[in-house]
């Protein structure tokens, strides 16, 4: 029989080089609007699953899809400019 022992020192010991870099934090921040739009779209889809769809729900779903499309377009533009070295 093998015993499972937690190694608190190994789990909680974070060296400074394991922290996210400024570039990684900037990348996370750049993705935040996309994630928020995806969550909004998913919330809308889930809400529409529970009840019969009315006109307000239809408009809400359309608005969530448009917001998602705008964020995706902005991300594509950001990725294109970051790839050419024009913006960081």
PDB file of N, CA and C in Angstrom:
ATOM      1  N   UNK A   1       0.844  -1.179   0.000  1.00  0.00           N
ATOM      2  CA  UNK A   1       0.000   0.000   0.000  1.00  0.00           C
ATOM      3  C   UNK A   1       0.886   1.237   0.000  1.00  0.00           C
ATOM      4  N   UNK A   2       0.589   2.174  -0.915  1.00  0.00           N
ATOM      5  CA  UNK A   2       1.361   3.404  -0.992  1.00  0.00           C
ATOM      6  C   UNK A   2       0.601   4.533  -0.314  1.00  0.00           C
ATOM      7  N   UNK A   3       1.340   5.341   0.385  1.00  0.00           N
ATOM      8  CA  UNK A   3       0.740   6.487   1.060  1.00  0.00           C
ATOM      9  C   UNK A   3       0.900   7.727   0.190  1.00  0.00           C
ATOM     10  N   UNK A   4      -0.161   8.478   0.118  1.00  0.00           N
ATOM     11  CA  UNK A   4      -0.117   9.730  -0.626  1.00  0.00           C
ATOM     12  C   UNK A   4       0.139  10.838   0.382  1.00  0.00           C
ATOM     13  N   UNK A   5       1.219  11.556   0.176  1.00  0.00           N
ATOM     14  CA  UNK A   5       1.596  12.618   1.089  1.00  0.00           C
ATOM     15  C   UNK A   5       1.674  13.914   0.304  1.00  0.00           C
ATOM     16  N   UNK A   6       1.028  14.946   0.829  1.00  0.00           N
ATOM     17  CA  UNK A   6       1.132  16.246   0.167  1.00  0.00           C
ATOM     18  C   UNK A   6       2.430  16.911   0.555  1.00  0.00           C
ATOM     19  N   UNK A   7       3.030  17.497  -0.392  1.00  0.00           N
ATOM     20  CA  UNK A   7       4.266  18.221  -0.163  1.00  0.00           C
ATOM     21  C   UNK A   7       3.946  19.704  -0.160  1.00  0.00           C
ATOM     22  N   UNK A   8       3.637  20.217   1.029  1.00  0.00           N
ATOM     23  CA  UNK A   8       3.219  21.608   1.145  1.00  0.00           C
ATOM     24  C   UNK A   8       4.291  22.556   0.626  1.00  0.00           C
ATOM     25  N   UNK A   9       5.523  22.248   0.894  1.00  0.00           N
ATOM     26  CA  UNK A   9       6.595  23.143   0.442  1.00  0.00           C
ATOM     27  C   UNK A   9       6.659  23.179  -1.085  1.00  0.00           C
ATOM     28  N   UNK A  10       6.481  22.043  -1.725  1.00  0.00           N
ATOM     29  CA  UNK A  10       6.534  22.001  -3.187  1.00  0.00           C
ATOM     30  C   UNK A  10       5.320  22.670  -3.810  1.00  0.00           C
ATOM     31  N   UNK A  11       4.179  22.577  -3.160  1.00  0.00           N
ATOM     32  CA  UNK A  11       2.950  23.154  -3.715  1.00  0.00           C
ATOM     33  C   UNK A  11       2.920  24.665  -3.530  1.00  0.00           C
ATOM     34  N   UNK A  12       3.370  25.134  -2.386  1.00  0.00           N
ATOM     35  CA  UNK A  12       3.235  26.559  -2.082  1.00  0.00           C
ATOM     36  C   UNK A  12       4.481  27.368  -2.389  1.00  0.00           C
ATOM     37  N   UNK A  13       5.564  26.730  -2.763  1.00  0.00           N
ATOM     38  CA  UNK A  13       6.789  27.472  -3.025  1.00  0.00           C
ATOM     39  C   UNK A  13       6.798  27.972  -4.461  1.00  0.00           C
ATOM     40  N   UNK A  14       6.595  29.256  -4.616  1.00  0.00           N
ATOM     41  CA  UNK A  14       6.608  29.854  -5.944  1.00  0.00           C
ATOM     42  C   UNK A  14       7.830  30.750  -6.050  1.00  0.00           C
ATOM     43  N   UNK A  15       8.678  30.426  -6.944  1.00  0.00           N
ATOM     44  CA  UNK A  15       9.859  31.241  -7.173  1.00  0.00           C
ATOM     45  C   UNK A  15       9.470  32.462  -8.003  1.00  0.00           C
ATOM     46  N   UNK A  16      10.207  33.542  -7.865  1.00  0.00           N
ATOM     47  CA  UNK A  16       9.856  34.758  -8.623  1.00  0.00           C
ATOM     48  C   UNK A  16       9.814  34.543 -10.130  1.00  0.00           C
ATOM     49  N   UNK A  17      10.625  33.647 -10.654  1.00  0.00           N
ATOM     50  CA  UNK A  17      10.634  33.439 -12.101  1.00  0.00           C
ATOM     51  C   UNK A  17       9.402  32.663 -12.580  1.00  0.00           C
ATOM     52  N   UNK A  18       8.597  32.152 -11.658  1.00  0.00           N
ATOM     53  CA  UNK A  18       7.371  31.460 -12.042  1.00  0.00           C
ATOM     54  C   UNK A  18       6.187  32.409 -12.183  1.00  0.00           C
ATOM     55  N   UNK A  19       6.348  33.646 -11.776  1.00  0.00           N
ATOM     56  CA  UNK A  19       5.284  34.634 -11.910  1.00  0.00           C
ATOM     57  C   UNK A  19       5.142  35.022 -13.379  1.00  0.00           C
ATOM     58  N   UNK A  20       3.932  35.425 -13.797  1.00  0.00           N
ATOM     59  CA  UNK A  20       3.765  35.834 -15.197  1.00  0.00           C
ATOM     60  C   UNK A  20       4.566  37.099 -15.491  1.00  0.00           C
ATOM     61  N   UNK A  21       5.082  37.150 -16.691  1.00  0.00           N
ATOM     62  CA  UNK A  21       5.847  38.329 -17.105  1.00  0.00           C
ATOM     63  C   UNK A  21       4.878  39.448 -17.488  1.00  0.00           C
ATOM     64  N   UNK A  22       5.429  40.629 -17.681  1.00  0.00           N
ATOM     65  CA  UNK A  22       4.595  41.762 -18.100  1.00  0.00           C
ATOM     66  C   UNK A  22       3.947  41.488 -19.453  1.00  0.00           C
ATOM     67  N   UNK A  23       4.675  40.828 -20.341  1.00  0.00           N
ATOM     68  CA  UNK A  23       4.117  40.501 -21.660  1.00  0.00           C
ATOM     69  C   UNK A  23       2.961  39.509 -21.530  1.00  0.00           C
ATOM     70  N   UNK A  24       3.112  38.531 -20.644  1.00  0.00           N
ATOM     71  CA  UNK A  24       2.025  37.560 -20.446  1.00  0.00           C
ATOM     72  C   UNK A  24       0.805  38.227 -19.834  1.00  0.00           C
ATOM     73  N   UNK A  25       1.019  39.127 -18.877  1.00  0.00           N
ATOM     74  CA  UNK A  25      -0.105  39.850 -18.289  1.00  0.00           C
ATOM     75  C   UNK A  25      -0.791  40.744 -19.318  1.00  0.00           C
ATOM     76  N   UNK A  26      -0.011  41.352 -20.201  1.00  0.00           N
ATOM     77  CA  UNK A  26      -0.596  42.185 -21.261  1.00  0.00           C
ATOM     78  C   UNK A  26      -1.413  41.336 -22.222  1.00  0.00           C
ATOM     79  N   UNK A  27      -0.928  40.130 -22.517  1.00  0.00           N
ATOM     80  CA  UNK A  27      -1.674  39.231 -23.405  1.00  0.00           C
ATOM     81  C   UNK A  27      -2.989  38.811 -22.764  1.00  0.00           C
ATOM     82  N   UNK A  28      -2.954  38.544 -21.469  1.00  0.00           N
ATOM     83  CA  UNK A  28      -4.186  38.185 -20.752  1.00  0.00           C
ATOM     84  C   UNK A  28      -5.153  39.351 -20.773  1.00  0.00           C
ATOM     85  N   UNK A  29      -4.643  40.550 -20.528  1.00  0.00           N
ATOM     86  CA  UNK A  29      -5.494  41.739 -20.550  1.00  0.00           C
ATOM     87  C   UNK A  29      -6.092  41.974 -21.934  1.00  0.00           C
ATOM     88  N   UNK A  30      -5.319  41.695 -22.971  1.00  0.00           N
ATOM     89  CA  UNK A  30      -5.823  41.875 -24.337  1.00  0.00           C
ATOM     90  C   UNK A  30      -6.932  40.879 -24.651  1.00  0.00           C
ATOM     91  N   UNK A  31      -6.898  39.705 -24.039  1.00  0.00           N
ATOM     92  CA  UNK A  31      -7.917  38.685 -24.282  1.00  0.00           C
ATOM     93  C   UNK A  31      -9.162  38.878 -23.431  1.00  0.00           C
ATOM     94  N   UNK A  32      -9.106  39.715 -22.414  1.00  0.00           N
ATOM     95  CA  UNK A  32     -10.234  39.886 -21.501  1.00  0.00           C
ATOM     96  C   UNK A  32     -11.532  40.291 -22.205  1.00  0.00           C
ATOM     97  N   UNK A  33     -11.524  41.260 -23.142  1.00  0.00           N
ATOM     98  CA  UNK A  33     -12.786  41.600 -23.816  1.00  0.00           C
ATOM     99  C   UNK A  33     -13.370  40.429 -24.606  1.00  0.00           C
ATOM    100  N   UNK A  34     -12.513  39.646 -25.234  1.00  0.00           N
ATOM    101  CA  UNK A  34     -12.990  38.481 -25.985  1.00  0.00           C
ATOM    102  C   UNK A  34     -13.644  37.480 -25.043  1.00  0.00           C
ATOM    103  N   UNK A  35     -13.001  37.226 -23.915  1.00  0.00           N
ATOM    104  CA  UNK A  35     -13.569  36.289 -22.952  1.00  0.00           C
ATOM    105  C   UNK A  35     -14.896  36.798 -22.402  1.00  0.00           C
ATOM    106  N   UNK A  36     -14.983  38.091 -22.120  1.00  0.00           N
ATOM    107  CA  UNK A  36     -16.231  38.665 -21.619  1.00  0.00           C
ATOM    108  C   UNK A  36     -17.349  38.527 -22.655  1.00  0.00           C
ATOM    109  N   UNK A  37     -17.025  38.754 -23.933  1.00  0.00           N
ATOM    110  CA  UNK A  37     -18.028  38.607 -24.987  1.00  0.00           C
ATOM    111  C   UNK A  37     -18.463  37.154 -25.121  1.00  0.00           C
ATOM    112  N   UNK A  38     -17.521  36.224 -24.994  1.00  0.00           N
ATOM    113  CA  UNK A  38     -17.878  34.810 -25.072  1.00  0.00           C
ATOM    114  C   UNK A  38     -18.766  34.402 -23.903  1.00  0.00           C
ATOM    115  N   UNK A  39     -18.471  34.914 -22.712  1.00  0.00           N
ATOM    116  CA  UNK A  39     -19.304  34.611 -21.542  1.00  0.00           C
ATOM    117  C   UNK A  39     -20.695  35.188 -21.733  1.00  0.00           C
ATOM    118  N   UNK A  40     -20.780  36.415 -22.249  1.00  0.00           N
ATOM    119  CA  UNK A  40     -22.087  37.025 -22.491  1.00  0.00           C
ATOM    120  C   UNK A  40     -22.896  36.213 -23.501  1.00  0.00           C
ATOM    121  N   UNK A  41     -22.234  35.776 -24.563  1.00  0.00           N
ATOM    122  CA  UNK A  41     -22.925  34.975 -25.578  1.00  0.00           C
ATOM    123  C   UNK A  41     -23.385  33.638 -24.989  1.00  0.00           C
ATOM    124  N   UNK A  42     -22.531  33.004 -24.204  1.00  0.00           N
ATOM    125  CA  UNK A  42     -22.891  31.733 -23.585  1.00  0.00           C
ATOM    126  C   UNK A  42     -24.032  31.909 -22.590  1.00  0.00           C
ATOM    127  N   UNK A  43     -24.002  32.989 -21.791  1.00  0.00           N
ATOM    128  CA  UNK A  43     -25.102  33.267 -20.866  1.00  0.00           C
ATOM    129  C   UNK A  43     -26.418  33.420 -21.614  1.00  0.00           C
ATOM    130  N   UNK A  44     -26.363  34.081 -22.767  1.00  0.00           N
ATOM    131  CA  UNK A  44     -27.566  34.268 -23.567  1.00  0.00           C
ATOM    132  C   UNK A  44     -28.098  32.933 -24.073  1.00  0.00           C
ATOM    133  N   UNK A  45     -27.207  32.100 -24.574  1.00  0.00           N
ATOM    134  CA  UNK A  45     -27.627  30.791 -25.092  1.00  0.00           C
ATOM    135  C   UNK A  45     -28.237  29.953 -23.976  1.00  0.00           C
ATOM    136  N   UNK A  46     -27.622  29.964 -22.805  1.00  0.00           N
ATOM    137  CA  UNK A  46     -28.140  29.194 -21.676  1.00  0.00           C
ATOM    138  C   UNK A  46     -29.505  29.722 -21.255  1.00  0.00           C
ATOM    139  N   UNK A  47     -29.647  31.047 -21.213  1.00  0.00           N
ATOM    140  CA  UNK A  47     -30.932  31.636 -20.831  1.00  0.00           C
ATOM    141  C   UNK A  47     -32.025  31.262 -21.821  1.00  0.00           C
ATOM    142  N   UNK A  48     -31.680  31.177 -23.104  1.00  0.00           N
ATOM    143  CA  UNK A  48     -32.680  30.844 -24.114  1.00  0.00           C
ATOM    144  C   UNK A  48     -33.069  29.372 -24.067  1.00  0.00           C
ATOM    145  N   UNK A  49     -32.265  28.540 -23.441  1.00  0.00           N
ATOM    146  CA  UNK A  49     -32.573  27.114 -23.348  1.00  0.00           C
ATOM    147  C   UNK A  49     -33.666  26.838 -22.314  1.00  0.00           C
ATOM    148  N   UNK A  50     -33.808  27.724 -21.329  1.00  0.00           N
ATOM    149  CA  UNK A  50     -34.709  27.489 -20.205  1.00  0.00           C
ATOM    150  C   UNK A  50     -36.161  27.830 -20.482  1.00  0.00           C
ATOM    151  N   UNK A  51     -36.409  28.697 -21.438  1.00  0.00           N
ATOM    152  CA  UNK A  51     -37.765  29.231 -21.604  1.00  0.00           C
ATOM    153  C   UNK A  51     -38.072  29.459 -23.075  1.00  0.00           C
ATOM    154  N   UNK A  52     -39.319  29.663 -23.376  1.00  0.00           N
ATOM    155  CA  UNK A  52     -39.666  29.993 -24.756  1.00  0.00           C
ATOM    156  C   UNK A  52     -39.045  31.337 -25.146  1.00  0.00           C
ATOM    157  N   UNK A  53     -38.613  31.431 -26.379  1.00  0.00           N
ATOM    158  CA  UNK A  53     -37.939  32.635 -26.858  1.00  0.00           C
ATOM    159  C   UNK A  53     -38.971  33.700 -27.178  1.00  0.00           C
ATOM    160  N   UNK A  54     -38.732  34.904 -26.676  1.00  0.00           N
ATOM    161  CA  UNK A  54     -39.585  36.038 -27.031  1.00  0.00           C
ATOM    162  C   UNK A  54     -38.744  37.051 -27.804  1.00  0.00           C
ATOM    163  N   UNK A  55     -39.344  38.156 -28.188  1.00  0.00           N
ATOM    164  CA  UNK A  55     -38.645  39.152 -29.005  1.00  0.00           C
ATOM    165  C   UNK A  55     -37.447  39.746 -28.266  1.00  0.00           C
ATOM    166  N   UNK A  56     -37.585  40.000 -26.982  1.00  0.00           N
ATOM    167  CA  UNK A  56     -36.481  40.564 -26.204  1.00  0.00           C
ATOM    168  C   UNK A  56     -35.292  39.601 -26.178  1.00  0.00           C
ATOM    169  N   UNK A  57     -35.568  38.316 -26.002  1.00  0.00           N
ATOM    170  CA  UNK A  57     -34.490  37.320 -26.004  1.00  0.00           C
ATOM    171  C   UNK A  57     -33.805  37.242 -27.362  1.00  0.00           C
ATOM    172  N   UNK A  58     -34.574  37.364 -28.419  1.00  0.00           N
ATOM    173  CA  UNK A  58     -34.007  37.330 -29.762  1.00  0.00           C
ATOM    174  C   UNK A  58     -33.061  38.507 -29.970  1.00  0.00           C
ATOM    175  N   UNK A  59     -33.487  39.690 -29.524  1.00  0.00           N
ATOM    176  CA  UNK A  59     -32.618  40.864 -29.648  1.00  0.00           C
ATOM    177  C   UNK A  59     -31.372  40.718 -28.786  1.00  0.00           C
ATOM    178  N   UNK A  60     -31.535  40.154 -27.598  1.00  0.00           N
ATOM    179  CA  UNK A  60     -30.389  39.947 -26.705  1.00  0.00           C
ATOM    180  C   UNK A  60     -29.368  39.007 -27.348  1.00  0.00           C
ATOM    181  N   UNK A  61     -29.832  37.940 -27.962  1.00  0.00           N
ATOM    182  CA  UNK A  61     -28.937  36.987 -28.621  1.00  0.00           C
ATOM    183  C   UNK A  61     -28.226  37.643 -29.798  1.00  0.00           C
ATOM    184  N   UNK A  62     -28.956  38.438 -30.576  1.00  0.00           N
ATOM    185  CA  UNK A  62     -28.353  39.122 -31.715  1.00  0.00           C
ATOM    186  C   UNK A  62     -27.286  40.116 -31.254  1.00  0.00           C
ATOM    187  N   UNK A  63     -27.589  40.850 -30.181  1.00  0.00           N
ATOM    188  CA  UNK A  63     -26.636  41.823 -29.645  1.00  0.00           C
ATOM    189  C   UNK A  63     -25.374  41.125 -29.125  1.00  0.00           C
ATOM    190  N   UNK A  64     -25.520  39.993 -28.468  1.00  0.00           N
ATOM    191  CA  UNK A  64     -24.367  39.237 -27.962  1.00  0.00           C
ATOM    192  C   UNK A  64     -23.504  38.734 -29.118  1.00  0.00           C
ATOM    193  N   UNK A  65     -24.133  38.256 -30.198  1.00  0.00           N
ATOM    194  CA  UNK A  65     -23.362  37.790 -31.355  1.00  0.00           C
ATOM    195  C   UNK A  65     -22.615  38.938 -32.036  1.00  0.00           C
ATOM    196  N   UNK A  66     -23.260  40.110 -32.128  1.00  0.00           N
ATOM    197  CA  UNK A  66     -22.589  41.266 -32.740  1.00  0.00           C
ATOM    198  C   UNK A  66     -21.409  41.725 -31.886  1.00  0.00           C
ATOM    199  N   UNK A  67     -21.589  41.739 -30.569  1.00  0.00           N
ATOM    200  CA  UNK A  67     -20.499  42.136 -29.670  1.00  0.00           C
ATOM    201  C   UNK A  67     -19.340  41.159 -29.812  1.00  0.00           C
ATOM    202  N   UNK A  68     -19.652  39.894 -29.914  1.00  0.00           N
ATOM    203  CA  UNK A  68     -18.621  38.869 -30.066  1.00  0.00           C
ATOM    204  C   UNK A  68     -17.879  39.068 -31.387  1.00  0.00           C
ATOM    205  N   UNK A  69     -18.603  39.353 -32.449  1.00  0.00           N
ATOM    206  CA  UNK A  69     -17.973  39.563 -33.759  1.00  0.00           C
ATOM    207  C   UNK A  69     -17.064  40.793 -33.737  1.00  0.00           C
ATOM    208  N   UNK A  70     -17.487  41.862 -33.061  1.00  0.00           N
ATOM    209  CA  UNK A  70     -16.650  43.058 -32.969  1.00  0.00           C
ATOM    210  C   UNK A  70     -15.363  42.778 -32.200  1.00  0.00           C
ATOM    211  N   UNK A  71     -15.466  42.026 -31.128  1.00  0.00           N
ATOM    212  CA  UNK A  71     -14.277  41.708 -30.338  1.00  0.00           C
ATOM    213  C   UNK A  71     -13.333  40.829 -31.146  1.00  0.00           C
ATOM    214  N   UNK A  72     -13.867  39.864 -31.869  1.00  0.00           N
ATOM    215  CA  UNK A  72     -13.012  39.015 -32.702  1.00  0.00           C
ATOM    216  C   UNK A  72     -12.303  39.834 -33.776  1.00  0.00           C
ATOM    217  N   UNK A  73     -12.998  40.779 -34.367  1.00  0.00           N
ATOM    218  CA  UNK A  73     -12.383  41.632 -35.379  1.00  0.00           C
ATOM    219  C   UNK A  73     -11.274  42.485 -34.769  1.00  0.00           C
ATOM    220  N   UNK A  74     -11.512  43.002 -33.577  1.00  0.00           N
ATOM    221  CA  UNK A  74     -10.487  43.798 -32.899  1.00  0.00           C
ATOM    222  C   UNK A  74      -9.278  42.942 -32.554  1.00  0.00           C
ATOM    223  N   UNK A  75      -9.515  41.697 -32.133  1.00  0.00           N
ATOM    224  CA  UNK A  75      -8.398  40.796 -31.823  1.00  0.00           C
ATOM    225  C   UNK A  75      -7.590  40.486 -33.079  1.00  0.00           C
ATOM    226  N   UNK A  76      -8.267  40.281 -34.199  1.00  0.00           N
ATOM    227  CA  UNK A  76      -7.559  40.012 -35.440  1.00  0.00           C
ATOM    228  C   UNK A  76      -6.704  41.204 -35.834  1.00  0.00           C
ATOM    229  N   UNK A  77      -7.254  42.398 -35.696  1.00  0.00           N
ATOM    230  CA  UNK A  77      -6.490  43.606 -36.027  1.00  0.00           C
ATOM    231  C   UNK A  77      -5.292  43.748 -35.090  1.00  0.00           C
ATOM    232  N   UNK A  78      -5.478  43.475 -33.814  1.00  0.00           N
ATOM    233  CA  UNK A  78      -4.387  43.552 -32.849  1.00  0.00           C
ATOM    234  C   UNK A  78      -3.306  42.528 -33.173  1.00  0.00           C
ATOM    235  N   UNK A  79      -3.713  41.337 -33.509  1.00  0.00           N
ATOM    236  CA  UNK A  79      -2.741  40.293 -33.846  1.00  0.00           C
ATOM    237  C   UNK A  79      -1.974  40.651 -35.102  1.00  0.00           C
ATOM    238  N   UNK A  80      -2.644  41.261 -36.076  1.00  0.00           N
ATOM    239  CA  UNK A  80      -1.967  41.662 -37.318  1.00  0.00           C
ATOM    240  C   UNK A  80      -0.944  42.763 -37.066  1.00  0.00           C
ATOM    241  N   UNK A  81      -1.288  43.752 -36.227  1.00  0.00           N
ATOM    242  CA  UNK A  81      -0.340  44.833 -35.957  1.00  0.00           C
ATOM    243  C   UNK A  81       0.797  44.350 -35.077  1.00  0.00           C
ATOM    244  N   UNK A  82       0.518  43.445 -34.137  1.00  0.00           N
ATOM    245  CA  UNK A  82       1.575  42.923 -33.263  1.00  0.00           C
ATOM    246  C   UNK A  82       2.538  42.061 -34.076  1.00  0.00           C
ATOM    247  N   UNK A  83       2.040  41.397 -35.088  1.00  0.00           N
ATOM    248  CA  UNK A  83       2.890  40.548 -35.919  1.00  0.00           C
ATOM    249  C   UNK A  83       3.838  41.340 -36.800  1.00  0.00           C
ATOM    250  N   UNK A  84       3.441  42.560 -37.164  1.00  0.00           N
ATOM    251  CA  UNK A  84       4.297  43.368 -38.033  1.00  0.00           C
ATOM    252  C   UNK A  84       5.265  44.228 -37.246  1.00  0.00           C
ATOM    253  N   UNK A  85       5.106  44.264 -35.921  1.00  0.00           N
ATOM    254  CA  UNK A  85       6.007  45.049 -35.092  1.00  0.00           C
ATOM    255  C   UNK A  85       5.638  46.520 -34.993  1.00  0.00           C
ATOM    256  N   UNK A  86       4.464  46.903 -35.479  1.00  0.00           N
ATOM    257  CA  UNK A  86       4.052  48.309 -35.425  1.00  0.00           C
ATOM    258  C   UNK A  86       3.636  48.708 -34.032  1.00  0.00           C
ATOM    259  N   UNK A  87       2.964  47.804 -33.313  1.00  0.00           N
ATOM    260  CA  UNK A  87       2.494  48.109 -31.973  1.00  0.00           C
ATOM    261  C   UNK A  87       2.861  46.974 -31.053  1.00  0.00           C
ATOM    262  N   UNK A  88       3.005  47.305 -29.794  1.00  0.00           N
ATOM    263  CA  UNK A  88       3.328  46.251 -28.834  1.00  0.00           C
ATOM    264  C   UNK A  88       2.283  46.198 -27.764  1.00  0.00           C
TER     265      UNK A  88
END
